Amino acid sequence: MGGSESRNAGEIEKEMNYICLVTDEAAQDFTHAQDWYEDRRIGLGSEFQQALDRKLAMLCHLPEMHPLYFENKVRRGMLSDYPYSLYYTVSKNIVEIVALLHDHLDIMPVLSKRVT
């Protein structure tokens, strides 16, 4: 198909610009986890932050890449190389990060409080 030819609607890939928001509680989760890693080894907190930034960028570009996980509303994106997951909701063009939680934590009470 040449550049001047049009495509059928079914052939066009869905591209949407998402607005990514981080709740205050999730921002506190980020800081707590990064500080914990930095206390273990200088520079490890920065490495953790880079992994978190990569996952956030991915989620904000393709938020529906992860299945629904909690109450048919919250999705879970696991971080590479760290035992943490991001929990987020998608509504229209808004991705809201509600938590960053350790994978061995009982997440249900936390998510129950943070997701309305």
PDB file of N, CA and C in Angstrom:
ATOM      1  N   MET A   1       0.840  -1.166   0.000  1.00  0.00           N
ATOM      2  CA  MET A   1       0.000   0.000   0.000  1.00  0.00           C
ATOM      3  C   MET A   1       0.885   1.228   0.000  1.00  0.00           C
ATOM      4  N   GLY A   2       0.690   2.121  -0.930  1.00  0.00           N
ATOM      5  CA  GLY A   2       1.490   3.336  -1.039  1.00  0.00           C
ATOM      6  C   GLY A   2       1.113   4.342   0.017  1.00  0.00           C
ATOM      7  N   GLY A   3       1.938   5.371   0.161  1.00  0.00           N
ATOM      8  CA  GLY A   3       1.717   6.381   1.177  1.00  0.00           C
ATOM      9  C   GLY A   3       0.459   7.195   0.943  1.00  0.00           C
ATOM     10  N   SER A   4       0.003   7.301  -0.316  1.00  0.00           N
ATOM     11  CA  SER A   4      -1.167   8.129  -0.585  1.00  0.00           C
ATOM     12  C   SER A   4      -2.473   7.350  -0.502  1.00  0.00           C
ATOM     13  N   GLU A   5      -2.393   6.025  -0.373  1.00  0.00           N
ATOM     14  CA  GLU A   5      -3.604   5.219  -0.297  1.00  0.00           C
ATOM     15  C   GLU A   5      -4.150   5.240   1.123  1.00  0.00           C
ATOM     16  N   SER A   6      -5.464   5.186   1.244  1.00  0.00           N
ATOM     17  CA  SER A   6      -6.076   5.171   2.570  1.00  0.00           C
ATOM     18  C   SER A   6      -6.262   3.734   3.035  1.00  0.00           C
ATOM     19  N   ARG A   7      -6.404   3.567   4.333  1.00  0.00           N
ATOM     20  CA  ARG A   7      -6.625   2.249   4.917  1.00  0.00           C
ATOM     21  C   ARG A   7      -8.052   2.155   5.424  1.00  0.00           C
ATOM     22  N   ASN A   8      -8.529   0.927   5.526  1.00  0.00           N
ATOM     23  CA  ASN A   8      -9.815   0.690   6.176  1.00  0.00           C
ATOM     24  C   ASN A   8      -9.640   0.866   7.675  1.00  0.00           C
ATOM     25  N   ALA A   9     -10.721   1.207   8.351  1.00  0.00           N
ATOM     26  CA  ALA A   9     -10.651   1.424   9.798  1.00  0.00           C
ATOM     27  C   ALA A   9     -10.105   0.200  10.525  1.00  0.00           C
ATOM     28  N   GLY A  10     -10.431  -0.996  10.073  1.00  0.00           N
ATOM     29  CA  GLY A  10      -9.964  -2.213  10.721  1.00  0.00           C
ATOM     30  C   GLY A  10      -8.473  -2.424  10.602  1.00  0.00           C
ATOM     31  N   GLU A  11      -7.840  -1.766   9.642  1.00  0.00           N
ATOM     32  CA  GLU A  11      -6.407  -1.923   9.429  1.00  0.00           C
ATOM     33  C   GLU A  11      -5.566  -0.939  10.232  1.00  0.00           C
ATOM     34  N   ILE A  12      -6.201   0.066  10.776  1.00  0.00           N
ATOM     35  CA  ILE A  12      -5.464   1.094  11.500  1.00  0.00           C
ATOM     36  C   ILE A  12      -5.247   0.632  12.934  1.00  0.00           C
ATOM     37  N   GLU A  13      -3.982   0.654  13.356  1.00  0.00           N
ATOM     38  CA  GLU A  13      -3.678   0.280  14.728  1.00  0.00           C
ATOM     39  C   GLU A  13      -4.150   1.386  15.657  1.00  0.00           C
ATOM     40  N   LYS A  14      -4.687   0.969  16.782  1.00  0.00           N
ATOM     41  CA  LYS A  14      -5.162   1.934  17.772  1.00  0.00           C
ATOM     42  C   LYS A  14      -3.963   2.607  18.424  1.00  0.00           C
ATOM     43  N   GLU A  15      -3.891   3.913  18.272  1.00  0.00           N
ATOM     44  CA  GLU A  15      -2.856   4.680  18.945  1.00  0.00           C
ATOM     45  C   GLU A  15      -3.546   5.760  19.742  1.00  0.00           C
ATOM     46  N   MET A  16      -3.221   5.845  21.003  1.00  0.00           N
ATOM     47  CA  MET A  16      -3.843   6.837  21.851  1.00  0.00           C
ATOM     48  C   MET A  16      -2.784   7.450  22.735  1.00  0.00           C
ATOM     49  N   ASN A  17      -2.889   8.719  22.949  1.00  0.00           N
ATOM     50  CA  ASN A  17      -2.002   9.382  23.891  1.00  0.00           C
ATOM     51  C   ASN A  17      -2.649   9.317  25.265  1.00  0.00           C
ATOM     52  N   TYR A  18      -1.932   8.757  26.217  1.00  0.00           N
ATOM     53  CA  TYR A  18      -2.439   8.610  27.567  1.00  0.00           C
ATOM     54  C   TYR A  18      -1.803   9.653  28.482  1.00  0.00           C
ATOM     55  N   ILE A  19      -2.584  10.143  29.395  1.00  0.00           N
ATOM     56  CA  ILE A  19      -2.091  11.014  30.450  1.00  0.00           C
ATOM     57  C   ILE A  19      -1.821  10.119  31.641  1.00  0.00           C
ATOM     58  N   CYS A  20      -0.607  10.175  32.166  1.00  0.00           N
ATOM     59  CA  CYS A  20      -0.240   9.328  33.295  1.00  0.00           C
ATOM     60  C   CYS A  20      -0.198  10.157  34.571  1.00  0.00           C
ATOM     61  N   LEU A  21      -0.934   9.681  35.552  1.00  0.00           N
ATOM     62  CA  LEU A  21      -0.989  10.336  36.856  1.00  0.00           C
ATOM     63  C   LEU A  21      -0.498   9.366  37.914  1.00  0.00           C
ATOM     64  N   VAL A  22       0.235   9.886  38.891  1.00  0.00           N
ATOM     65  CA  VAL A  22       0.716   9.081  40.009  1.00  0.00           C
ATOM     66  C   VAL A  22       0.079   9.651  41.269  1.00  0.00           C
ATOM     67  N   THR A  23      -0.647   8.818  42.001  1.00  0.00           N
ATOM     68  CA  THR A  23      -1.266   9.287  43.237  1.00  0.00           C
ATOM     69  C   THR A  23      -0.186   9.610  44.263  1.00  0.00           C
ATOM     70  N   ASP A  24      -0.560  10.403  45.265  1.00  0.00           N
ATOM     71  CA  ASP A  24       0.387  10.737  46.336  1.00  0.00           C
ATOM     72  C   ASP A  24       0.877   9.486  47.047  1.00  0.00           C
ATOM     73  N   GLU A  25      -0.042   8.532  47.276  1.00  0.00           N
ATOM     74  CA  GLU A  25       0.353   7.294  47.958  1.00  0.00           C
ATOM     75  C   GLU A  25       1.360   6.506  47.135  1.00  0.00           C
ATOM     76  N   ALA A  26       1.133   6.435  45.817  1.00  0.00           N
ATOM     77  CA  ALA A  26       2.066   5.716  44.953  1.00  0.00           C
ATOM     78  C   ALA A  26       3.423   6.422  44.920  1.00  0.00           C
ATOM     79  N   ALA A  27       3.418   7.745  44.900  1.00  0.00           N
ATOM     80  CA  ALA A  27       4.684   8.492  44.914  1.00  0.00           C
ATOM     81  C   ALA A  27       5.454   8.191  46.200  1.00  0.00           C
ATOM     82  N   GLN A  28       4.744   8.067  47.308  1.00  0.00           N
ATOM     83  CA  GLN A  28       5.393   7.689  48.572  1.00  0.00           C
ATOM     84  C   GLN A  28       5.951   6.277  48.498  1.00  0.00           C
ATOM     85  N   ASP A  29       5.210   5.379  47.844  1.00  0.00           N
ATOM     86  CA  ASP A  29       5.713   4.012  47.639  1.00  0.00           C
ATOM     87  C   ASP A  29       7.020   4.042  46.860  1.00  0.00           C
ATOM     88  N   PHE A  30       7.078   4.866  45.803  1.00  0.00           N
ATOM     89  CA  PHE A  30       8.281   4.968  44.972  1.00  0.00           C
ATOM     90  C   PHE A  30       9.467   5.389  45.828  1.00  0.00           C
ATOM     91  N   THR A  31       9.269   6.448  46.615  1.00  0.00           N
ATOM     92  CA  THR A  31      10.346   6.988  47.444  1.00  0.00           C
ATOM     93  C   THR A  31      10.810   5.974  48.483  1.00  0.00           C
ATOM     94  N   HIS A  32       9.865   5.321  49.125  1.00  0.00           N
ATOM     95  CA  HIS A  32      10.211   4.331  50.154  1.00  0.00           C
ATOM     96  C   HIS A  32      11.041   3.194  49.550  1.00  0.00           C
ATOM     97  N   ALA A  33      10.612   2.663  48.419  1.00  0.00           N
ATOM     98  CA  ALA A  33      11.337   1.542  47.795  1.00  0.00           C
ATOM     99  C   ALA A  33      12.719   1.987  47.311  1.00  0.00           C
ATOM    100  N   GLN A  34      12.781   3.148  46.677  1.00  0.00           N
ATOM    101  CA  GLN A  34      14.073   3.632  46.189  1.00  0.00           C
ATOM    102  C   GLN A  34      15.034   3.864  47.356  1.00  0.00           C
ATOM    103  N   ASP A  35      14.543   4.460  48.443  1.00  0.00           N
ATOM    104  CA  ASP A  35      15.397   4.687  49.620  1.00  0.00           C
ATOM    105  C   ASP A  35      15.887   3.368  50.211  1.00  0.00           C
ATOM    106  N   TRP A  36      15.001   2.364  50.251  1.00  0.00           N
ATOM    107  CA  TRP A  36      15.392   1.067  50.796  1.00  0.00           C
ATOM    108  C   TRP A  36      16.550   0.483  49.983  1.00  0.00           C
ATOM    109  N   TYR A  37      16.441   0.535  48.659  1.00  0.00           N
ATOM    110  CA  TYR A  37      17.522   0.001  47.818  1.00  0.00           C
ATOM    111  C   TYR A  37      18.796   0.831  47.961  1.00  0.00           C
ATOM    112  N   GLU A  38      18.661   2.131  48.047  1.00  0.00           N
ATOM    113  CA  GLU A  38      19.845   2.985  48.182  1.00  0.00           C
ATOM    114  C   GLU A  38      20.557   2.722  49.509  1.00  0.00           C
ATOM    115  N   ASP A  39      19.785   2.418  50.553  1.00  0.00           N
ATOM    116  CA  ASP A  39      20.388   2.084  51.854  1.00  0.00           C
ATOM    117  C   ASP A  39      21.162   0.774  51.806  1.00  0.00           C
ATOM    118  N   ARG A  40      20.801  -0.113  50.890  1.00  0.00           N
ATOM    119  CA  ARG A  40      21.492  -1.396  50.764  1.00  0.00           C
ATOM    120  C   ARG A  40      22.836  -1.236  50.050  1.00  0.00           C
ATOM    121  N   ARG A  41      22.849  -0.392  49.020  1.00  0.00           N
ATOM    122  CA  ARG A  41      24.094  -0.147  48.266  1.00  0.00           C
ATOM    123  C   ARG A  41      23.960   1.177  47.532  1.00  0.00           C
ATOM    124  N   ILE A  42      24.959   2.012  47.656  1.00  0.00           N
ATOM    125  CA  ILE A  42      24.941   3.298  46.962  1.00  0.00           C
ATOM    126  C   ILE A  42      24.823   3.042  45.460  1.00  0.00           C
ATOM    127  N   GLY A  43      23.863   3.700  44.855  1.00  0.00           N
ATOM    128  CA  GLY A  43      23.628   3.549  43.422  1.00  0.00           C
ATOM    129  C   GLY A  43      22.509   2.569  43.092  1.00  0.00           C
ATOM    130  N   LEU A  44      22.198   1.665  44.020  1.00  0.00           N
ATOM    131  CA  LEU A  44      21.148   0.682  43.754  1.00  0.00           C
ATOM    132  C   LEU A  44      19.772   1.349  43.703  1.00  0.00           C
ATOM    133  N   GLY A  45      19.594   2.391  44.490  1.00  0.00           N
ATOM    134  CA  GLY A  45      18.338   3.136  44.430  1.00  0.00           C
ATOM    135  C   GLY A  45      18.128   3.772  43.065  1.00  0.00           C
ATOM    136  N   SER A  46      19.203   4.272  42.469  1.00  0.00           N
ATOM    137  CA  SER A  46      19.121   4.856  41.119  1.00  0.00           C
ATOM    138  C   SER A  46      18.808   3.787  40.080  1.00  0.00           C
ATOM    139  N   GLU A  47      19.394   2.610  40.238  1.00  0.00           N
ATOM    140  CA  GLU A  47      19.107   1.508  39.314  1.00  0.00           C
ATOM    141  C   GLU A  47      17.638   1.097  39.418  1.00  0.00           C
ATOM    142  N   PHE A  48      17.128   1.045  40.648  1.00  0.00           N
ATOM    143  CA  PHE A  48      15.729   0.726  40.854  1.00  0.00           C
ATOM    144  C   PHE A  48      14.850   1.790  40.182  1.00  0.00           C
ATOM    145  N   GLN A  49      15.196   3.059  40.375  1.00  0.00           N
ATOM    146  CA  GLN A  49      14.425   4.159  39.776  1.00  0.00           C
ATOM    147  C   GLN A  49      14.410   4.050  38.256  1.00  0.00           C
ATOM    148  N   GLN A  50      15.524   3.652  37.657  1.00  0.00           N
ATOM    149  CA  GLN A  50      15.572   3.483  36.200  1.00  0.00           C
ATOM    150  C   GLN A  50      14.638   2.369  35.741  1.00  0.00           C
ATOM    151  N   ALA A  51      14.612   1.259  36.482  1.00  0.00           N
ATOM    152  CA  ALA A  51      13.696   0.156  36.145  1.00  0.00           C
ATOM    153  C   ALA A  51      12.251   0.616  36.289  1.00  0.00           C
ATOM    154  N   LEU A  52      11.973   1.376  37.322  1.00  0.00           N
ATOM    155  CA  LEU A  52      10.635   1.911  37.547  1.00  0.00           C
ATOM    156  C   LEU A  52      10.244   2.870  36.423  1.00  0.00           C
ATOM    157  N   ASP A  53      11.160   3.749  36.039  1.00  0.00           N
ATOM    158  CA  ASP A  53      10.885   4.701  34.948  1.00  0.00           C
ATOM    159  C   ASP A  53      10.599   3.980  33.632  1.00  0.00           C
ATOM    160  N   ARG A  54      11.349   2.914  33.352  1.00  0.00           N
ATOM    161  CA  ARG A  54      11.111   2.139  32.124  1.00  0.00           C
ATOM    162  C   ARG A  54       9.716   1.519  32.133  1.00  0.00           C
ATOM    163  N   LYS A  55       9.330   0.947  33.268  1.00  0.00           N
ATOM    164  CA  LYS A  55       8.011   0.322  33.374  1.00  0.00           C
ATOM    165  C   LYS A  55       6.911   1.379  33.277  1.00  0.00           C
ATOM    166  N   LEU A  56       7.095   2.514  33.921  1.00  0.00           N
ATOM    167  CA  LEU A  56       6.102   3.587  33.829  1.00  0.00           C
ATOM    168  C   LEU A  56       5.923   4.058  32.390  1.00  0.00           C
ATOM    169  N   ALA A  57       7.024   4.228  31.675  1.00  0.00           N
ATOM    170  CA  ALA A  57       6.942   4.665  30.276  1.00  0.00           C
ATOM    171  C   ALA A  57       6.184   3.636  29.444  1.00  0.00           C
ATOM    172  N   MET A  58       6.440   2.370  29.680  1.00  0.00           N
ATOM    173  CA  MET A  58       5.767   1.306  28.944  1.00  0.00           C
ATOM    174  C   MET A  58       4.266   1.297  29.251  1.00  0.00           C
ATOM    175  N   LEU A  59       3.939   1.405  30.547  1.00  0.00           N
ATOM    176  CA  LEU A  59       2.531   1.386  30.947  1.00  0.00           C
ATOM    177  C   LEU A  59       1.781   2.590  30.403  1.00  0.00           C
ATOM    178  N   CYS A  60       2.439   3.724  30.358  1.00  0.00           N
ATOM    179  CA  CYS A  60       1.777   4.933  29.882  1.00  0.00           C
ATOM    180  C   CYS A  60       1.635   4.944  28.367  1.00  0.00           C
ATOM    181  N   HIS A  61       2.384   4.121  27.683  1.00  0.00           N
ATOM    182  CA  HIS A  61       2.268   3.998  26.228  1.00  0.00           C
ATOM    183  C   HIS A  61       1.286   2.891  25.842  1.00  0.00           C
ATOM    184  N   LEU A  62       1.360   1.765  26.539  1.00  0.00           N
ATOM    185  CA  LEU A  62       0.499   0.609  26.256  1.00  0.00           C
ATOM    186  C   LEU A  62      -0.124   0.089  27.550  1.00  0.00           C
ATOM    187  N   PRO A  63      -1.010   0.841  28.163  1.00  0.00           N
ATOM    188  CA  PRO A  63      -1.515   0.450  29.482  1.00  0.00           C
ATOM    189  C   PRO A  63      -2.344  -0.828  29.500  1.00  0.00           C
ATOM    190  N   GLU A  64      -2.914  -1.201  28.381  1.00  0.00           N
ATOM    191  CA  GLU A  64      -3.755  -2.392  28.376  1.00  0.00           C
ATOM    192  C   GLU A  64      -2.967  -3.671  28.091  1.00  0.00           C
ATOM    193  N   MET A  65      -1.638  -3.561  28.130  1.00  0.00           N
ATOM    194  CA  MET A  65      -0.799  -4.733  27.893  1.00  0.00           C
ATOM    195  C   MET A  65      -0.904  -5.748  29.033  1.00  0.00           C
ATOM    196  N   HIS A  66      -1.333  -5.303  30.218  1.00  0.00           N
ATOM    197  CA  HIS A  66      -1.488  -6.202  31.354  1.00  0.00           C
ATOM    198  C   HIS A  66      -2.968  -6.448  31.604  1.00  0.00           C
ATOM    199  N   PRO A  67      -3.325  -7.678  31.978  1.00  0.00           N
ATOM    200  CA  PRO A  67      -4.742  -7.988  32.215  1.00  0.00           C
ATOM    201  C   PRO A  67      -5.253  -7.345  33.501  1.00  0.00           C
ATOM    202  N   LEU A  68      -6.563  -7.289  33.601  1.00  0.00           N
ATOM    203  CA  LEU A  68      -7.180  -6.812  34.834  1.00  0.00           C
ATOM    204  C   LEU A  68      -6.816  -7.773  35.962  1.00  0.00           C
ATOM    205  N   TYR A  69      -6.547  -7.234  37.120  1.00  0.00           N
ATOM    206  CA  TYR A  69      -5.996  -8.019  38.215  1.00  0.00           C
ATOM    207  C   TYR A  69      -6.837  -7.950  39.489  1.00  0.00           C
ATOM    208  N   PHE A  70      -7.396  -6.797  39.797  1.00  0.00           N
ATOM    209  CA  PHE A  70      -8.100  -6.584  41.061  1.00  0.00           C
ATOM    210  C   PHE A  70      -9.422  -5.874  40.802  1.00  0.00           C
ATOM    211  N   GLU A  71     -10.504  -6.478  41.273  1.00  0.00           N
ATOM    212  CA  GLU A  71     -11.852  -5.926  41.162  1.00  0.00           C
ATOM    213  C   GLU A  71     -12.214  -5.481  39.742  1.00  0.00           C
ATOM    214  N   ASN A  72     -11.694  -6.185  38.771  1.00  0.00           N
ATOM    215  CA  ASN A  72     -11.995  -5.921  37.363  1.00  0.00           C
ATOM    216  C   ASN A  72     -11.737  -4.464  36.978  1.00  0.00           C
ATOM    217  N   LYS A  73     -10.757  -3.852  37.680  1.00  0.00           N
ATOM    218  CA  LYS A  73     -10.483  -2.440  37.466  1.00  0.00           C
ATOM    219  C   LYS A  73      -8.987  -2.128  37.467  1.00  0.00           C
ATOM    220  N   VAL A  74      -8.233  -2.824  38.312  1.00  0.00           N
ATOM    221  CA  VAL A  74      -6.812  -2.529  38.505  1.00  0.00           C
ATOM    222  C   VAL A  74      -5.965  -3.522  37.732  1.00  0.00           C
ATOM    223  N   ARG A  75      -4.956  -3.012  37.070  1.00  0.00           N
ATOM    224  CA  ARG A  75      -3.998  -3.837  36.342  1.00  0.00           C
ATOM    225  C   ARG A  75      -2.681  -3.889  37.115  1.00  0.00           C
ATOM    226  N   ARG A  76      -1.892  -4.898  36.818  1.00  0.00           N
ATOM    227  CA  ARG A  76      -0.613  -5.095  37.522  1.00  0.00           C
ATOM    228  C   ARG A  76       0.513  -5.213  36.503  1.00  0.00           C
ATOM    229  N   GLY A  77       1.520  -4.361  36.650  1.00  0.00           N
ATOM    230  CA  GLY A  77       2.715  -4.427  35.820  1.00  0.00           C
ATOM    231  C   GLY A  77       3.919  -4.725  36.686  1.00  0.00           C
ATOM    232  N   MET A  78       4.522  -5.881  36.486  1.00  0.00           N
ATOM    233  CA  MET A  78       5.660  -6.300  37.302  1.00  0.00           C
ATOM    234  C   MET A  78       6.941  -5.645  36.795  1.00  0.00           C
ATOM    235  N   LEU A  79       7.783  -5.199  37.736  1.00  0.00           N
ATOM    236  CA  LEU A  79       9.076  -4.614  37.377  1.00  0.00           C
ATOM    237  C   LEU A  79      10.065  -5.715  37.041  1.00  0.00           C
ATOM    238  N   SER A  80      10.910  -5.443  36.086  1.00  0.00           N
ATOM    239  CA  SER A  80      11.982  -6.383  35.746  1.00  0.00           C
ATOM    240  C   SER A  80      13.074  -6.279  36.808  1.00  0.00           C
ATOM    241  N   ASP A  81      13.577  -7.407  37.233  1.00  0.00           N
ATOM    242  CA  ASP A  81      14.722  -7.507  38.143  1.00  0.00           C
ATOM    243  C   ASP A  81      14.453  -7.086  39.587  1.00  0.00           C
ATOM    244  N   TYR A  82      13.236  -6.705  39.909  1.00  0.00           N
ATOM    245  CA  TYR A  82      12.907  -6.304  41.281  1.00  0.00           C
ATOM    246  C   TYR A  82      11.575  -6.935  41.672  1.00  0.00           C
ATOM    247  N   PRO A  83      11.418  -7.298  42.949  1.00  0.00           N
ATOM    248  CA  PRO A  83      10.177  -7.951  43.385  1.00  0.00           C
ATOM    249  C   PRO A  83       9.058  -6.948  43.706  1.00  0.00           C
ATOM    250  N   TYR A  84       8.800  -6.046  42.775  1.00  0.00           N
ATOM    251  CA  TYR A  84       7.768  -5.020  42.936  1.00  0.00           C
ATOM    252  C   TYR A  84       6.875  -5.002  41.712  1.00  0.00           C
ATOM    253  N   SER A  85       5.643  -4.565  41.936  1.00  0.00           N
ATOM    254  CA  SER A  85       4.686  -4.400  40.842  1.00  0.00           C
ATOM    255  C   SER A  85       3.996  -3.053  40.979  1.00  0.00           C
ATOM    256  N   LEU A  86       3.689  -2.479  39.821  1.00  0.00           N
ATOM    257  CA  LEU A  86       2.886  -1.262  39.761  1.00  0.00           C
ATOM    258  C   LEU A  86       1.437  -1.664  39.576  1.00  0.00           C
ATOM    259  N   TYR A  87       0.558  -1.020  40.297  1.00  0.00           N
ATOM    260  CA  TYR A  87      -0.880  -1.250  40.184  1.00  0.00           C
ATOM    261  C   TYR A  87      -1.501   0.034  39.668  1.00  0.00           C
ATOM    262  N   TYR A  88      -2.341  -0.108  38.642  1.00  0.00           N
ATOM    263  CA  TYR A  88      -2.849   1.083  37.972  1.00  0.00           C
ATOM    264  C   TYR A  88      -4.219   0.836  37.361  1.00  0.00           C
ATOM    265  N   THR A  89      -4.913   1.938  37.106  1.00  0.00           N
ATOM    266  CA  THR A  89      -6.212   1.879  36.441  1.00  0.00           C
ATOM    267  C   THR A  89      -6.107   2.630  35.117  1.00  0.00           C
ATOM    268  N   VAL A  90      -6.987   2.266  34.197  1.00  0.00           N
ATOM    269  CA  VAL A  90      -7.059   2.936  32.900  1.00  0.00           C
ATOM    270  C   VAL A  90      -8.502   3.361  32.691  1.00  0.00           C
ATOM    271  N   SER A  91      -8.682   4.645  32.452  1.00  0.00           N
ATOM    272  CA  SER A  91     -10.010   5.172  32.196  1.00  0.00           C
ATOM    273  C   SER A  91      -9.898   6.177  31.053  1.00  0.00           C
ATOM    274  N   LYS A  92     -10.512   5.835  29.929  1.00  0.00           N
ATOM    275  CA  LYS A  92     -10.417   6.640  28.711  1.00  0.00           C
ATOM    276  C   LYS A  92      -8.947   6.842  28.376  1.00  0.00           C
ATOM    277  N   ASN A  93      -8.439   8.063  28.460  1.00  0.00           N
ATOM    278  CA  ASN A  93      -7.038   8.295  28.104  1.00  0.00           C
ATOM    279  C   ASN A  93      -6.175   8.600  29.333  1.00  0.00           C
ATOM    280  N   ILE A  94      -6.628   8.163  30.520  1.00  0.00           N
ATOM    281  CA  ILE A  94      -5.883   8.427  31.751  1.00  0.00           C
ATOM    282  C   ILE A  94      -5.419   7.115  32.384  1.00  0.00           C
ATOM    283  N   VAL A  95      -4.133   7.053  32.654  1.00  0.00           N
ATOM    284  CA  VAL A  95      -3.547   5.946  33.404  1.00  0.00           C
ATOM    285  C   VAL A  95      -3.219   6.502  34.778  1.00  0.00           C
ATOM    286  N   GLU A  96      -3.799   5.901  35.813  1.00  0.00           N
ATOM    287  CA  GLU A  96      -3.540   6.361  37.175  1.00  0.00           C
ATOM    288  C   GLU A  96      -2.806   5.272  37.945  1.00  0.00           C
ATOM    289  N   ILE A  97      -1.580   5.591  38.340  1.00  0.00           N
ATOM    290  CA  ILE A  97      -0.774   4.664  39.131  1.00  0.00           C
ATOM    291  C   ILE A  97      -1.220   4.813  40.581  1.00  0.00           C
ATOM    292  N   VAL A  98      -1.742   3.728  41.166  1.00  0.00           N
ATOM    293  CA  VAL A  98      -2.267   3.810  42.529  1.00  0.00           C
ATOM    294  C   VAL A  98      -1.337   3.209  43.570  1.00  0.00           C
ATOM    295  N   ALA A  99      -0.389   2.358  43.152  1.00  0.00           N
ATOM    296  CA  ALA A  99       0.506   1.743  44.134  1.00  0.00           C
ATOM    297  C   ALA A  99       1.718   1.107  43.470  1.00  0.00           C
ATOM    298  N   LEU A 100       2.797   1.070  44.225  1.00  0.00           N
ATOM    299  CA  LEU A 100       3.971   0.261  43.918  1.00  0.00           C
ATOM    300  C   LEU A 100       4.146  -0.611  45.154  1.00  0.00           C
ATOM    301  N   LEU A 101       3.940  -1.919  44.997  1.00  0.00           N
ATOM    302  CA  LEU A 101       3.949  -2.809  46.155  1.00  0.00           C
ATOM    303  C   LEU A 101       4.892  -3.990  45.944  1.00  0.00           C
ATOM    304  N   HIS A 102       5.506  -4.404  47.048  1.00  0.00           N
ATOM    305  CA  HIS A 102       6.382  -5.574  47.032  1.00  0.00           C
ATOM    306  C   HIS A 102       5.533  -6.802  46.697  1.00  0.00           C
ATOM    307  N   ASP A 103       6.088  -7.686  45.899  1.00  0.00           N
ATOM    308  CA  ASP A 103       5.328  -8.842  45.420  1.00  0.00           C
ATOM    309  C   ASP A 103       4.943  -9.829  46.523  1.00  0.00           C
ATOM    310  N   HIS A 104       5.583  -9.771  47.673  1.00  0.00           N
ATOM    311  CA  HIS A 104       5.244 -10.682  48.760  1.00  0.00           C
ATOM    312  C   HIS A 104       4.317 -10.047  49.788  1.00  0.00           C
ATOM    313  N   LEU A 105       3.866  -8.848  49.510  1.00  0.00           N
ATOM    314  CA  LEU A 105       2.947  -8.149  50.401  1.00  0.00           C
ATOM    315  C   LEU A 105       1.514  -8.571  50.099  1.00  0.00           C
ATOM    316  N   ASP A 106       0.693  -8.618  51.124  1.00  0.00           N
ATOM    317  CA  ASP A 106      -0.736  -8.858  50.919  1.00  0.00           C
ATOM    318  C   ASP A 106      -1.318  -7.562  50.356  1.00  0.00           C
ATOM    319  N   ILE A 107      -1.522  -7.525  49.061  1.00  0.00           N
ATOM    320  CA  ILE A 107      -1.903  -6.280  48.385  1.00  0.00           C
ATOM    321  C   ILE A 107      -3.368  -5.923  48.524  1.00  0.00           C
ATOM    322  N   MET A 108      -4.214  -6.901  48.796  1.00  0.00           N
ATOM    323  CA  MET A 108      -5.655  -6.655  48.788  1.00  0.00           C
ATOM    324  C   MET A 108      -6.085  -5.539  49.757  1.00  0.00           C
ATOM    325  N   PRO A 109      -5.618  -5.526  51.011  1.00  0.00           N
ATOM    326  CA  PRO A 109      -6.019  -4.428  51.892  1.00  0.00           C
ATOM    327  C   PRO A 109      -5.562  -3.054  51.386  1.00  0.00           C
ATOM    328  N   VAL A 110      -4.361  -3.002  50.835  1.00  0.00           N
ATOM    329  CA  VAL A 110      -3.834  -1.733  50.328  1.00  0.00           C
ATOM    330  C   VAL A 110      -4.658  -1.251  49.139  1.00  0.00           C
ATOM    331  N   LEU A 111      -4.880  -2.134  48.174  1.00  0.00           N
ATOM    332  CA  LEU A 111      -5.646  -1.728  47.004  1.00  0.00           C
ATOM    333  C   LEU A 111      -7.090  -1.394  47.353  1.00  0.00           C
ATOM    334  N   SER A 112      -7.653  -2.107  48.294  1.00  0.00           N
ATOM    335  CA  SER A 112      -9.024  -1.814  48.721  1.00  0.00           C
ATOM    336  C   SER A 112      -9.161  -0.387  49.238  1.00  0.00           C
ATOM    337  N   LYS A 113      -8.142   0.096  49.917  1.00  0.00           N
ATOM    338  CA  LYS A 113      -8.148   1.472  50.450  1.00  0.00           C
ATOM    339  C   LYS A 113      -7.890   2.512  49.369  1.00  0.00           C
ATOM    340  N   ARG A 114      -7.064   2.153  48.389  1.00  0.00           N
ATOM    341  CA  ARG A 114      -6.617   3.159  47.420  1.00  0.00           C
ATOM    342  C   ARG A 114      -7.480   3.252  46.163  1.00  0.00           C
ATOM    343  N   VAL A 115      -8.234   2.220  45.871  1.00  0.00           N
ATOM    344  CA  VAL A 115      -9.025   2.214  44.644  1.00  0.00           C
ATOM    345  C   VAL A 115     -10.496   2.403  45.021  1.00  0.00           C
ATOM    346  N   THR A 116     -11.097   3.422  44.425  1.00  0.00           N
ATOM    347  CA  THR A 116     -12.506   3.689  44.724  1.00  0.00           C
ATOM    348  C   THR A 116     -13.393   3.258  43.582  1.00  0.00           C
TER     349      THR A 116
END
